[in-house]
Amino acid sequence: MNFTVVNKNICVDTIRIIGVTSSSVFLVGDTDTITLSSIFDTPPESLIIGPFVPLARS
């Protein structure tokens, strides 16, 4: 997939993240390249899928 991005001014005042997953990307600003990869070497019977764990509130 190829697409063109035209960068403009950005102003971020507040960011509130409630929870994250095991494969999350959070970016603010510019980046040249994002490379994603995944390797799964755990047997399926040992995988535990549960609810998301929220971040602690400060």
N, C-alpha and C. Protein backbone atom coordinates (compact mmCIF):
# COMPACT_ATOMS: atom_id res chain seq x y z
N MET A 1 0.84 -1.15 0.00
CA MET A 1 0.00 0.00 0.00
C MET A 1 0.90 1.23 0.00
N ASN A 2 0.69 2.14 -0.90
CA ASN A 2 1.41 3.41 -0.96
C ASN A 2 0.41 4.54 -0.86
N PHE A 3 0.72 5.53 -0.04
CA PHE A 3 -0.12 6.71 0.05
C PHE A 3 0.74 7.92 0.37
N THR A 4 0.24 9.08 0.05
CA THR A 4 0.97 10.32 0.26
C THR A 4 0.36 11.07 1.43
N VAL A 5 1.23 11.57 2.31
CA VAL A 5 0.79 12.33 3.47
C VAL A 5 1.36 13.74 3.36
N VAL A 6 0.52 14.73 3.51
CA VAL A 6 0.96 16.12 3.52
C VAL A 6 0.91 16.60 4.96
N ASN A 7 2.06 16.86 5.55
CA ASN A 7 2.14 17.26 6.95
C ASN A 7 1.76 18.72 7.12
N LYS A 8 0.93 18.99 8.06
CA LYS A 8 0.53 20.35 8.44
C LYS A 8 0.94 20.55 9.90
N ASN A 9 0.69 21.72 10.44
CA ASN A 9 0.99 21.97 11.85
C ASN A 9 0.09 21.11 12.73
N ILE A 10 0.65 20.64 13.84
CA ILE A 10 -0.14 19.83 14.77
C ILE A 10 0.07 20.37 16.18
N CYS A 11 -1.01 20.45 16.93
CA CYS A 11 -0.95 20.90 18.31
C CYS A 11 -1.76 19.92 19.14
N VAL A 12 -1.10 19.20 20.03
CA VAL A 12 -1.75 18.21 20.87
C VAL A 12 -1.80 18.76 22.29
N ASP A 13 -2.99 18.91 22.82
CA ASP A 13 -3.15 19.46 24.16
C ASP A 13 -3.16 18.35 25.21
N THR A 14 -4.06 17.39 25.06
CA THR A 14 -4.20 16.32 26.04
C THR A 14 -4.46 15.01 25.31
N ILE A 15 -3.82 13.95 25.80
CA ILE A 15 -4.06 12.61 25.27
C ILE A 15 -4.43 11.73 26.46
N ARG A 16 -5.53 11.02 26.32
CA ARG A 16 -5.97 10.11 27.39
C ARG A 16 -6.11 8.72 26.79
N ILE A 17 -5.29 7.80 27.25
CA ILE A 17 -5.33 6.42 26.77
C ILE A 17 -5.91 5.56 27.88
N ILE A 18 -7.00 4.88 27.57
CA ILE A 18 -7.69 4.06 28.57
C ILE A 18 -7.06 2.68 28.66
N GLY A 19 -6.67 2.10 27.56
CA GLY A 19 -6.06 0.77 27.57
C GLY A 19 -5.33 0.53 26.26
N VAL A 20 -4.48 -0.48 26.27
CA VAL A 20 -3.73 -0.83 25.07
C VAL A 20 -3.83 -2.33 24.84
N THR A 21 -3.59 -2.75 23.62
CA THR A 21 -3.56 -4.17 23.31
C THR A 21 -2.12 -4.61 23.18
N SER A 22 -1.92 -5.88 22.94
CA SER A 22 -0.57 -6.40 22.84
C SER A 22 0.11 -5.98 21.55
N SER A 23 -0.62 -5.45 20.61
CA SER A 23 -0.01 -4.99 19.35
C SER A 23 -0.50 -3.59 19.04
N SER A 24 -0.05 -2.63 19.84
CA SER A 24 -0.51 -1.26 19.71
C SER A 24 0.59 -0.36 19.19
N VAL A 25 0.19 0.63 18.42
CA VAL A 25 1.10 1.68 17.96
C VAL A 25 0.41 3.00 18.23
N PHE A 26 1.10 3.88 18.95
CA PHE A 26 0.56 5.21 19.23
C PHE A 26 1.61 6.22 18.82
N LEU A 27 1.26 7.07 17.87
CA LEU A 27 2.20 8.05 17.34
C LEU A 27 1.60 9.44 17.38
N VAL A 28 2.41 10.40 17.74
CA VAL A 28 2.06 11.80 17.59
C VAL A 28 3.26 12.44 16.91
N GLY A 29 3.06 12.95 15.72
CA GLY A 29 4.17 13.57 15.00
C GLY A 29 4.51 12.80 13.75
N ASP A 30 5.72 13.01 13.28
CA ASP A 30 6.17 12.45 12.02
C ASP A 30 6.96 11.16 12.20
N THR A 31 6.89 10.32 11.20
CA THR A 31 7.74 9.15 11.14
C THR A 31 8.00 8.84 9.67
N ASP A 32 9.17 8.30 9.38
CA ASP A 32 9.50 7.96 8.01
C ASP A 32 8.99 6.58 7.63
N THR A 33 9.21 5.61 8.51
CA THR A 33 8.87 4.23 8.18
C THR A 33 8.33 3.52 9.42
N ILE A 34 7.29 2.75 9.23
CA ILE A 34 6.79 1.86 10.28
C ILE A 34 6.83 0.45 9.70
N THR A 35 7.55 -0.43 10.38
CA THR A 35 7.65 -1.82 9.95
C THR A 35 7.03 -2.69 11.03
N LEU A 36 6.03 -3.46 10.66
CA LEU A 36 5.35 -4.33 11.61
C LEU A 36 5.68 -5.77 11.30
N SER A 37 5.90 -6.55 12.34
CA SER A 37 6.12 -7.99 12.16
C SER A 37 5.57 -8.72 13.37
N SER A 38 5.31 -9.98 13.18
CA SER A 38 4.75 -10.78 14.26
C SER A 38 5.26 -12.20 14.15
N ILE A 39 5.64 -12.75 15.29
CA ILE A 39 6.06 -14.15 15.37
C ILE A 39 5.30 -14.76 16.54
N PHE A 40 4.64 -15.86 16.27
CA PHE A 40 3.83 -16.52 17.30
C PHE A 40 4.39 -17.92 17.50
N ASP A 41 5.09 -18.14 18.62
CA ASP A 41 5.71 -19.44 18.84
C ASP A 41 5.12 -20.19 20.03
N THR A 42 4.01 -19.72 20.57
CA THR A 42 3.35 -20.38 21.69
C THR A 42 2.29 -21.32 21.15
N PRO A 43 2.22 -22.53 21.67
CA PRO A 43 1.17 -23.44 21.20
C PRO A 43 -0.22 -22.87 21.48
N PRO A 44 -1.16 -23.08 20.59
CA PRO A 44 -2.50 -22.48 20.76
C PRO A 44 -3.18 -22.87 22.07
N GLU A 45 -2.92 -24.07 22.59
CA GLU A 45 -3.60 -24.49 23.82
C GLU A 45 -3.10 -23.73 25.06
N SER A 46 -1.95 -23.04 24.97
CA SER A 46 -1.47 -22.28 26.12
C SER A 46 -1.84 -20.81 26.04
N LEU A 47 -2.52 -20.39 24.99
CA LEU A 47 -2.92 -19.01 24.82
C LEU A 47 -4.16 -18.72 25.65
N ILE A 48 -4.09 -17.67 26.46
CA ILE A 48 -5.22 -17.26 27.29
C ILE A 48 -5.70 -15.93 26.75
N ILE A 49 -6.94 -15.89 26.29
CA ILE A 49 -7.51 -14.65 25.78
C ILE A 49 -8.50 -14.14 26.80
N GLY A 50 -8.22 -12.97 27.32
CA GLY A 50 -9.08 -12.40 28.35
C GLY A 50 -9.41 -10.96 28.03
N PRO A 51 -10.07 -10.28 28.97
CA PRO A 51 -10.44 -8.88 28.74
C PRO A 51 -9.20 -7.98 28.74
N PHE A 52 -9.35 -6.81 28.15
CA PHE A 52 -8.27 -5.83 28.17
C PHE A 52 -8.03 -5.37 29.60
N VAL A 53 -6.78 -5.05 29.90
CA VAL A 53 -6.44 -4.54 31.22
C VAL A 53 -6.27 -3.03 31.09
N PRO A 54 -7.08 -2.25 31.76
CA PRO A 54 -6.97 -0.78 31.64
C PRO A 54 -5.69 -0.28 32.32
N LEU A 55 -5.21 0.86 31.85
CA LEU A 55 -4.07 1.49 32.48
C LEU A 55 -4.49 2.08 33.82
N ALA A 56 -3.54 2.15 34.75
CA ALA A 56 -3.84 2.71 36.07
C ALA A 56 -4.13 4.20 35.94
N ARG A 57 -5.09 4.67 36.67
CA ARG A 57 -5.43 6.10 36.65
C ARG A 57 -4.49 6.83 37.60
N SER A 58 -4.06 8.00 37.15
CA SER A 58 -3.17 8.79 38.02
C SER A 58 -3.87 10.00 38.58
